[in-house]
Amino acid sequence: MWFFNSPKIIFGREAIDQLENPLYVTGTKALVVTDKDLVKLKMVDIVTTHLKAANIEYSIFDGALPDPPLPSVMEGAEACKKYKPDLIIALGGGSVIDTAKAIWILYESEEGFDITGLNPFITLPTGTKAKLIAIPTTSGTGAETTSAVVLTDDKTSLKLELLNKAAIPTIAIVDPIFVDKMPKKLTNSTGFDAISHCIENVCGKWHNIYSDGLASTALRLIFKYLPDAYLKSDPDAREAVHNAATIAGLSFGNAQVHLAHSIGHALGGVFHVPHGFAVGVALPYVMQYLILHDPGSVKVFADTAKTIGVAEWKDADNAAAAKFLKAVQDLQKKVEFPTKLTDLGITKQKLDDNMAKYIDLILQSGAISITPVDVTADLVKKILYCMVDGKKIDF
């Protein structure tokens, strides 16, 4: 038995117009959660124009920060409690949406609720005071569809991987207008975040037939369209990748991710590497290890490769899995993605200087429990040393 959870999703060009549709948006007072960059870029104006047309009063909280630290979340929650909206609108990338989710939960919960105690086994009353509308401005995190709330303990640098179905937004509006002019570094980094979501969840312990099918659809779209989105900023390719990222969010949101994300979260916490680059650089190394040591991963990699067209149906599983790995590595080259830690400015010396803290953060990650192989400090160290200069996994 398994459960599948999803928000109502409105997608395609002009989807943002539905903010004015009372069939879907019934509030009268909205708190728009965003960041200062999106205010400067006037993307917030696109949202507020529709709110004005719908006679919805609004206030803007633009204090969301990358890798949301707890103090910024608490600041937003206090602003929300003071304003008392019946709509919360998250406009931004994954960090903004996670901030808005946490604000929503704190607004709806009893006074004194500790957001760091969020877990899948408690019941929360989200939707009682307000609905949450998530509008992604990047194509990768899938946060607009998931129950995950990833925050950062600013005192320890630990990424808090919090889960509860009450954190799933009420509505996701997936409109490519917000990504048409996305910079190259955001295009390839968030694109590989979405790829990591798909590949990690199909071989994870929680994968299921629903998540597998969605992952294959998302991967097929990303492999086909990410190069043109990155190299040409083609609007049709942008739209395809934007939809694929949300489909990937539905996939991993119902199956979760594992070791590449644990490594990536620690990279972000210790070295402040942007999330998409952190998980994307780790992904091929984790894939290599799984192909060597986990027959189940070989089988699912082979099936996925054949389904999305990077391997032939006649290929043996090992050959198809190898083609899948090569397709990932080839796509990284096409979109000028970093392939080793030194590409991110992390030398072996820097890694050694921070190794104890780094290992500790990875082993505290709840995601490693979903990894299809046992994860130990020694294994993580070996993978990291291969990642430094791009050495092939051979152990």
Foldseek 3Di string as FASTA:
>chain_A
DFDAFWAAEQEEAPLLLCCLPCVQPVWQEEEEFAAPVCVVVCVVVSNVVSCVVNNHHYDYDHQQDPQAEPVSLVVLLVVCLVRQTQEYEFEEAPSSLLSSLSSQQCNQDDPPDDSLPAAAPDDGDRNPRHAYEYEYLAQADLSQIAQWRWHAHVVQLFTRTHGYSSSRGNYYYQHLVSHLPPALVRLQLRLQNLLQLLLQQLLWQQADPQLVVLSLQLVLLSLPQSLCCRVVSDSVSSSSSNVSNNSSSSNCNRRNGAQLQLQLSLCCSQVVDRSSLSSNLLVLLLLLVCLVPPPSSLQSQLVSQCSSPQDPPPDDSSVSNVSSSVSSVVVCVSSVHDNAVVVVVQAPVNCVVCVVSSLVSSVPDPRNVRGPDDDDSVVVVLSNVCRHVPNHDDD
